[in-house]
PDB file of N, CA and C in Angstrom:
ATOM      1  N   MET A   1     -18.559  17.832  -7.290  1.00  0.00           N
ATOM      2  CA  MET A   1     -18.938  16.569  -6.414  1.00  0.00           C
ATOM      3  C   MET A   1     -18.193  16.389  -5.330  1.00  0.00           C
ATOM      4  N   SER A   2     -18.703  16.368  -4.329  1.00  0.00           N
ATOM      5  CA  SER A   2     -18.101  16.280  -2.724  1.00  0.00           C
ATOM      6  C   SER A   2     -18.133  14.798  -2.529  1.00  0.00           C
ATOM      7  N   VAL A   3     -16.691  14.165  -2.244  1.00  0.00           N
ATOM      8  CA  VAL A   3     -16.312  12.748  -2.184  1.00  0.00           C
ATOM      9  C   VAL A   3     -16.773  12.310  -0.767  1.00  0.00           C
ATOM     10  N   GLU A   4     -16.830  13.185   0.148  1.00  0.00           N
ATOM     11  CA  GLU A   4     -16.922  13.264   1.336  1.00  0.00           C
ATOM     12  C   GLU A   4     -18.589  12.581   1.650  1.00  0.00           C
ATOM     13  N   LYS A   5     -19.302  13.429   0.785  1.00  0.00           N
ATOM     14  CA  LYS A   5     -20.796  12.574   0.535  1.00  0.00           C
ATOM     15  C   LYS A   5     -20.967  11.532   0.027  1.00  0.00           C
ATOM     16  N   LEU A   6     -20.250  11.018  -0.728  1.00  0.00           N
ATOM     17  CA  LEU A   6     -20.711   9.580  -1.603  1.00  0.00           C
ATOM     18  C   LEU A   6     -20.391   8.352  -0.544  1.00  0.00           C
ATOM     19  N   ASN A   7     -21.267   7.462  -1.024  1.00  0.00           N
ATOM     20  CA  ASN A   7     -20.661   5.950  -0.140  1.00  0.00           C
ATOM     21  C   ASN A   7     -19.742   5.322  -0.595  1.00  0.00           C
ATOM     22  N   PRO A   8     -19.425   4.376  -0.244  1.00  0.00           N
ATOM     23  CA  PRO A   8     -17.884   3.505  -0.632  1.00  0.00           C
ATOM     24  C   PRO A   8     -17.987   3.155  -2.094  1.00  0.00           C
ATOM     25  N   SER A   9     -19.260   2.396  -2.369  1.00  0.00           N
ATOM     26  CA  SER A   9     -19.707   1.563  -3.342  1.00  0.00           C
ATOM     27  C   SER A   9     -20.026   2.632  -4.676  1.00  0.00           C
ATOM     28  N   THR A  10     -20.198   4.103  -4.188  1.00  0.00           N
ATOM     29  CA  THR A  10     -20.260   4.982  -5.676  1.00  0.00           C
ATOM     30  C   THR A  10     -18.569   5.620  -5.356  1.00  0.00           C
ATOM     31  N   ILE A  11     -18.025   5.655  -4.637  1.00  0.00           N
ATOM     32  CA  ILE A  11     -16.753   6.272  -4.927  1.00  0.00           C
ATOM     33  C   ILE A  11     -15.889   5.207  -5.701  1.00  0.00           C
ATOM     34  N   ARG A  12     -16.154   3.899  -5.314  1.00  0.00           N
ATOM     35  CA  ARG A  12     -15.314   2.902  -6.313  1.00  0.00           C
ATOM     36  C   ARG A  12     -16.012   2.443  -7.554  1.00  0.00           C
ATOM     37  N   LYS A  13     -17.495   2.675  -7.653  1.00  0.00           N
ATOM     38  CA  LYS A  13     -17.497   2.824  -9.274  1.00  0.00           C
ATOM     39  C   LYS A  13     -17.008   3.806  -9.972  1.00  0.00           C
ATOM     40  N   LEU A  14     -17.354   5.035  -9.691  1.00  0.00           N
ATOM     41  CA  LEU A  14     -16.433   6.127  -9.935  1.00  0.00           C
ATOM     42  C   LEU A  14     -15.031   6.154 -10.225  1.00  0.00           C
ATOM     43  N   GLY A  15     -14.333   5.616  -9.255  1.00  0.00           N
ATOM     44  CA  GLY A  15     -12.717   5.323  -9.379  1.00  0.00           C
ATOM     45  C   GLY A  15     -12.993   4.226 -10.850  1.00  0.00           C
ATOM     46  N   LEU A  16     -13.192   3.115 -10.739  1.00  0.00           N
ATOM     47  CA  LEU A  16     -13.077   2.445 -11.647  1.00  0.00           C
ATOM     48  C   LEU A  16     -13.404   3.038 -13.040  1.00  0.00           C
ATOM     49  N   GLU A  17     -14.539   3.392 -12.958  1.00  0.00           N
ATOM     50  CA  GLU A  17     -15.057   4.231 -14.421  1.00  0.00           C
ATOM     51  C   GLU A  17     -13.726   4.992 -14.873  1.00  0.00           C
ATOM     52  N   ALA A  18     -13.024   5.800 -13.823  1.00  0.00           N
ATOM     53  CA  ALA A  18     -11.942   7.174 -14.154  1.00  0.00           C
ATOM     54  C   ALA A  18     -10.968   5.993 -14.415  1.00  0.00           C
ATOM     55  N   LEU A  19     -10.525   5.138 -13.930  1.00  0.00           N
ATOM     56  CA  LEU A  19      -9.494   4.094 -14.564  1.00  0.00           C
ATOM     57  C   LEU A  19      -9.363   3.461 -15.959  1.00  0.00           C
ATOM     58  N   ALA A  20     -10.574   3.391 -16.089  1.00  0.00           N
ATOM     59  CA  ALA A  20     -11.194   2.659 -17.283  1.00  0.00           C
ATOM     60  C   ALA A  20     -11.134   3.446 -18.279  1.00  0.00           C
ATOM     61  N   LYS A  21     -11.589   4.913 -18.321  1.00  0.00           N
ATOM     62  CA  LYS A  21     -11.195   5.969 -19.196  1.00  0.00           C
ATOM     63  C   LYS A  21      -9.936   6.299 -19.561  1.00  0.00           C
ATOM     64  N   ALA A  22      -8.991   6.243 -18.089  1.00  0.00           N
ATOM     65  CA  ALA A  22      -7.524   6.863 -18.469  1.00  0.00           C
ATOM     66  C   ALA A  22      -6.837   5.518 -19.034  1.00  0.00           C
ATOM     67  N   LEU A  23      -6.880   4.132 -18.577  1.00  0.00           N
ATOM     68  CA  LEU A  23      -5.946   3.169 -18.962  1.00  0.00           C
ATOM     69  C   LEU A  23      -6.577   2.236 -19.989  1.00  0.00           C
ATOM     70  N   GLY A  24      -7.962   2.642 -20.328  1.00  0.00           N
ATOM     71  CA  GLY A  24      -8.288   1.332 -21.016  1.00  0.00           C
ATOM     72  C   GLY A  24      -8.784   0.065 -20.155  1.00  0.00           C
ATOM     73  N   PRO A  25      -9.740  -0.816 -20.409  1.00  0.00           N
ATOM     74  CA  PRO A  25     -10.104  -1.480 -19.947  1.00  0.00           C
ATOM     75  C   PRO A  25      -8.988  -2.847 -19.141  1.00  0.00           C
ATOM     76  N   LEU A  26      -7.780  -3.014 -20.193  1.00  0.00           N
ATOM     77  CA  LEU A  26      -6.717  -3.942 -19.936  1.00  0.00           C
ATOM     78  C   LEU A  26      -6.079  -3.454 -18.986  1.00  0.00           C
ATOM     79  N   GLY A  27      -5.494  -1.726 -19.248  1.00  0.00           N
ATOM     80  CA  GLY A  27      -4.538  -0.902 -18.154  1.00  0.00           C
ATOM     81  C   GLY A  27      -5.044  -1.171 -16.897  1.00  0.00           C
ATOM     82  N   MET A  28      -6.887  -0.914 -16.826  1.00  0.00           N
ATOM     83  CA  MET A  28      -7.434  -1.070 -15.532  1.00  0.00           C
ATOM     84  C   MET A  28      -7.059  -1.913 -14.951  1.00  0.00           C
ATOM     85  N   VAL A  29      -7.432  -3.164 -15.329  1.00  0.00           N
ATOM     86  CA  VAL A  29      -7.241  -4.687 -14.808  1.00  0.00           C
ATOM     87  C   VAL A  29      -5.481  -5.053 -14.499  1.00  0.00           C
ATOM     88  N   ARG A  30      -4.579  -4.454 -15.156  1.00  0.00           N
ATOM     89  CA  ARG A  30      -3.517  -4.491 -14.601  1.00  0.00           C
ATOM     90  C   ARG A  30      -3.072  -3.609 -13.722  1.00  0.00           C
ATOM     91  N   PHE A  31      -3.619  -2.305 -13.324  1.00  0.00           N
ATOM     92  CA  PHE A  31      -3.638  -1.753 -12.406  1.00  0.00           C
ATOM     93  C   PHE A  31      -4.014  -2.494 -10.904  1.00  0.00           C
ATOM     94  N   LEU A  32      -5.313  -2.719 -11.108  1.00  0.00           N
ATOM     95  CA  LEU A  32      -5.737  -3.428  -9.814  1.00  0.00           C
ATOM     96  C   LEU A  32      -5.034  -4.477  -9.523  1.00  0.00           C
ATOM     97  N   GLN A  33      -4.469  -5.277 -10.558  1.00  0.00           N
ATOM     98  CA  GLN A  33      -4.038  -6.705  -9.848  1.00  0.00           C
ATOM     99  C   GLN A  33      -2.642  -6.218  -8.874  1.00  0.00           C
ATOM    100  N   GLN A  34      -2.003  -5.027  -9.279  1.00  0.00           N
ATOM    101  CA  GLN A  34      -0.979  -4.637  -8.057  1.00  0.00           C
ATOM    102  C   GLN A  34      -1.598  -4.620  -6.581  1.00  0.00           C
ATOM    103  N   PHE A  35      -2.605  -4.436  -6.325  1.00  0.00           N
ATOM    104  CA  PHE A  35      -3.165  -4.327  -4.977  1.00  0.00           C
ATOM    105  C   PHE A  35      -3.914  -5.336  -4.648  1.00  0.00           C
ATOM    106  N   GLU A  36      -3.577  -5.699  -3.257  1.00  0.00           N
ATOM    107  CA  GLU A  36      -4.535  -6.355  -2.476  1.00  0.00           C
ATOM    108  C   GLU A  36      -4.732  -6.292  -1.541  1.00  0.00           C
ATOM    109  N   THR A  37      -5.917  -6.273  -0.488  1.00  0.00           N
ATOM    110  CA  THR A  37      -5.978  -5.836   0.757  1.00  0.00           C
ATOM    111  C   THR A  37      -5.525  -6.546   1.928  1.00  0.00           C
ATOM    112  N   GLY A  38      -4.954  -7.420   1.439  1.00  0.00           N
ATOM    113  CA  GLY A  38      -4.020  -8.154   2.717  1.00  0.00           C
ATOM    114  C   GLY A  38      -4.689  -8.823   3.861  1.00  0.00           C
ATOM    115  N   VAL A  39      -4.195  -9.423   4.839  1.00  0.00           N
ATOM    116  CA  VAL A  39      -4.738  -9.598   6.044  1.00  0.00           C
ATOM    117  C   VAL A  39      -3.785  -9.402   7.514  1.00  0.00           C
ATOM    118  N   GLY A  40      -4.474  -9.616   8.443  1.00  0.00           N
ATOM    119  CA  GLY A  40      -3.463  -9.380   9.464  1.00  0.00           C
ATOM    120  C   GLY A  40      -3.580  -7.800  10.204  1.00  0.00           C
ATOM    121  N   ASP A  41      -2.773  -7.795  11.243  1.00  0.00           N
ATOM    122  CA  ASP A  41      -2.491  -6.227  11.650  1.00  0.00           C
ATOM    123  C   ASP A  41      -1.263  -5.826  11.504  1.00  0.00           C
ATOM    124  N   TYR A  42      -0.916  -5.173  10.305  1.00  0.00           N
ATOM    125  CA  TYR A  42       0.392  -4.619  10.243  1.00  0.00           C
ATOM    126  C   TYR A  42       1.197  -4.082  11.629  1.00  0.00           C
ATOM    127  N   THR A  43       0.339  -3.157  12.023  1.00  0.00           N
ATOM    128  CA  THR A  43       1.095  -2.449  13.169  1.00  0.00           C
ATOM    129  C   THR A  43       1.556  -3.552  14.411  1.00  0.00           C
ATOM    130  N   LYS A  44       0.556  -4.432  14.630  1.00  0.00           N
ATOM    131  CA  LYS A  44       0.965  -5.304  15.564  1.00  0.00           C
ATOM    132  C   LYS A  44       2.061  -6.209  15.319  1.00  0.00           C
ATOM    133  N   GLU A  45       2.070  -6.619  14.080  1.00  0.00           N
ATOM    134  CA  GLU A  45       3.187  -7.493  13.568  1.00  0.00           C
ATOM    135  C   GLU A  45       4.509  -6.853  13.306  1.00  0.00           C
ATOM    136  N   ARG A  46       4.398  -5.589  13.170  1.00  0.00           N
ATOM    137  CA  ARG A  46       5.601  -4.500  13.111  1.00  0.00           C
ATOM    138  C   ARG A  46       6.407  -4.693  14.546  1.00  0.00           C
ATOM    139  N   ALA A  47       5.456  -4.308  15.714  1.00  0.00           N
ATOM    140  CA  ALA A  47       5.943  -4.340  16.811  1.00  0.00           C
ATOM    141  C   ALA A  47       6.716  -5.580  17.238  1.00  0.00           C
ATOM    142  N   LEU A  48       6.026  -6.754  16.895  1.00  0.00           N
ATOM    143  CA  LEU A  48       6.523  -7.839  17.183  1.00  0.00           C
ATOM    144  C   LEU A  48       8.266  -8.065  16.440  1.00  0.00           C
ATOM    145  N   TRP A  49       8.068  -8.143  14.965  1.00  0.00           N
ATOM    146  CA  TRP A  49       9.354  -7.754  14.253  1.00  0.00           C
ATOM    147  C   TRP A  49      10.476  -7.007  15.011  1.00  0.00           C
ATOM    148  N   LEU A  50      10.081  -6.017  15.594  1.00  0.00           N
ATOM    149  CA  LEU A  50      10.932  -4.501  15.917  1.00  0.00           C
ATOM    150  C   LEU A  50      11.306  -4.523  17.580  1.00  0.00           C
ATOM    151  N   LYS A  51      10.660  -5.481  18.252  1.00  0.00           N
ATOM    152  CA  LYS A  51      10.444  -5.230  19.695  1.00  0.00           C
ATOM    153  C   LYS A  51      12.149  -5.186  20.424  1.00  0.00           C
ATOM    154  N   ASP A  52      13.078  -6.105  19.564  1.00  0.00           N
ATOM    155  CA  ASP A  52      14.187  -6.107  20.168  1.00  0.00           C
ATOM    156  C   ASP A  52      15.002  -5.134  19.574  1.00  0.00           C
ATOM    157  N   MET A  53      14.869  -4.141  18.614  1.00  0.00           N
ATOM    158  CA  MET A  53      15.419  -3.146  18.172  1.00  0.00           C
ATOM    159  C   MET A  53      15.423  -1.626  18.379  1.00  0.00           C
ATOM    160  N   ASP A  54      16.420  -1.360  18.798  1.00  0.00           N
ATOM    161  CA  ASP A  54      16.308   0.677  18.866  1.00  0.00           C
ATOM    162  C   ASP A  54      16.875   1.039  17.524  1.00  0.00           C
ATOM    163  N   VAL A  55      16.781   2.125  17.509  1.00  0.00           N
ATOM    164  CA  VAL A  55      17.234   3.157  16.442  1.00  0.00           C
ATOM    165  C   VAL A  55      18.595   2.758  15.731  1.00  0.00           C
ATOM    166  N   LYS A  56      19.418   2.798  16.784  1.00  0.00           N
ATOM    167  CA  LYS A  56      20.846   2.723  16.607  1.00  0.00           C
ATOM    168  C   LYS A  56      20.754   1.599  15.931  1.00  0.00           C
ATOM    169  N   THR A  57      20.339   0.194  16.486  1.00  0.00           N
ATOM    170  CA  THR A  57      20.621  -0.795  16.001  1.00  0.00           C
ATOM    171  C   THR A  57      19.946  -0.903  14.494  1.00  0.00           C
ATOM    172  N   ILE A  58      18.564  -0.490  14.085  1.00  0.00           N
ATOM    173  CA  ILE A  58      18.254  -0.079  12.626  1.00  0.00           C
ATOM    174  C   ILE A  58      19.024   0.544  11.744  1.00  0.00           C
ATOM    175  N   VAL A  59      19.655   1.622  12.199  1.00  0.00           N
ATOM    176  CA  VAL A  59      20.477   2.295  11.401  1.00  0.00           C
ATOM    177  C   VAL A  59      21.901   1.469  11.115  1.00  0.00           C
ATOM    178  N   GLU A  60      22.411   0.742  12.199  1.00  0.00           N
ATOM    179  CA  GLU A  60      23.708   0.183  11.794  1.00  0.00           C
ATOM    180  C   GLU A  60      23.313  -1.061  10.708  1.00  0.00           C
ATOM    181  N   GLU A  61      22.438  -1.675  10.951  1.00  0.00           N
ATOM    182  CA  GLU A  61      21.656  -2.896  10.119  1.00  0.00           C
ATOM    183  C   GLU A  61      21.915  -2.010   8.669  1.00  0.00           C
ATOM    184  N   ILE A  62      21.012  -0.772   8.507  1.00  0.00           N
ATOM    185  CA  ILE A  62      20.971  -0.362   7.216  1.00  0.00           C
ATOM    186  C   ILE A  62      22.546  -0.242   6.586  1.00  0.00           C
ATOM    187  N   LYS A  63      23.589   0.415   7.349  1.00  0.00           N
ATOM    188  CA  LYS A  63      24.485   0.551   7.171  1.00  0.00           C
ATOM    189  C   LYS A  63      25.150  -0.350   6.171  1.00  0.00           C
ATOM    190  N   ASN A  64      25.162  -1.627   7.364  1.00  0.00           N
ATOM    191  CA  ASN A  64      26.214  -2.934   6.816  1.00  0.00           C
ATOM    192  C   ASN A  64      25.219  -3.199   5.683  1.00  0.00           C
ATOM    193  N   GLN A  65      23.975  -3.314   5.437  1.00  0.00           N
ATOM    194  CA  GLN A  65      23.485  -3.642   3.774  1.00  0.00           C
ATOM    195  C   GLN A  65      23.775  -2.737   2.526  1.00  0.00           C
ATOM    196  N   ARG A  66      24.114  -1.647   2.905  1.00  0.00           N
ATOM    197  CA  ARG A  66      25.117  -0.484   2.081  1.00  0.00           C
ATOM    198  C   ARG A  66      26.156  -0.875   1.736  1.00  0.00           C
ATOM    199  N   LYS A  67      26.820  -1.331   2.872  1.00  0.00           N
ATOM    200  CA  LYS A  67      27.955  -1.846   2.524  1.00  0.00           C
ATOM    201  C   LYS A  67      28.544  -3.304   1.666  1.00  0.00           C
ATOM    202  N   LYS A  68      27.257  -3.978   1.557  1.00  0.00           N
ATOM    203  CA  LYS A  68      27.477  -5.077   0.978  1.00  0.00           C
ATOM    204  C   LYS A  68      26.913  -4.952  -0.210  1.00  0.00           C
ATOM    205  N   LYS A  69      26.363  -3.868  -0.916  1.00  0.00           N
ATOM    206  CA  LYS A  69      26.205  -3.618  -1.964  1.00  0.00           C
ATOM    207  C   LYS A  69      27.351  -3.098  -2.857  1.00  0.00           C
TER     208      LYS A  69
END
């Protein structure tokens, strides 16, 4: 079966069936609860968070965090 030729609803149905078969109904639900679609545009938001940081600054902050542990 070629996944490229399946529509999204069919892929979702087959995926849920595979999860239920492998994990059982409860395991499938627990697995699905771990994921959420989220909102917003992560790429744009990340650019805002990091706008004043260069690689050197990021590396220094990582080193400082590791020293604290």
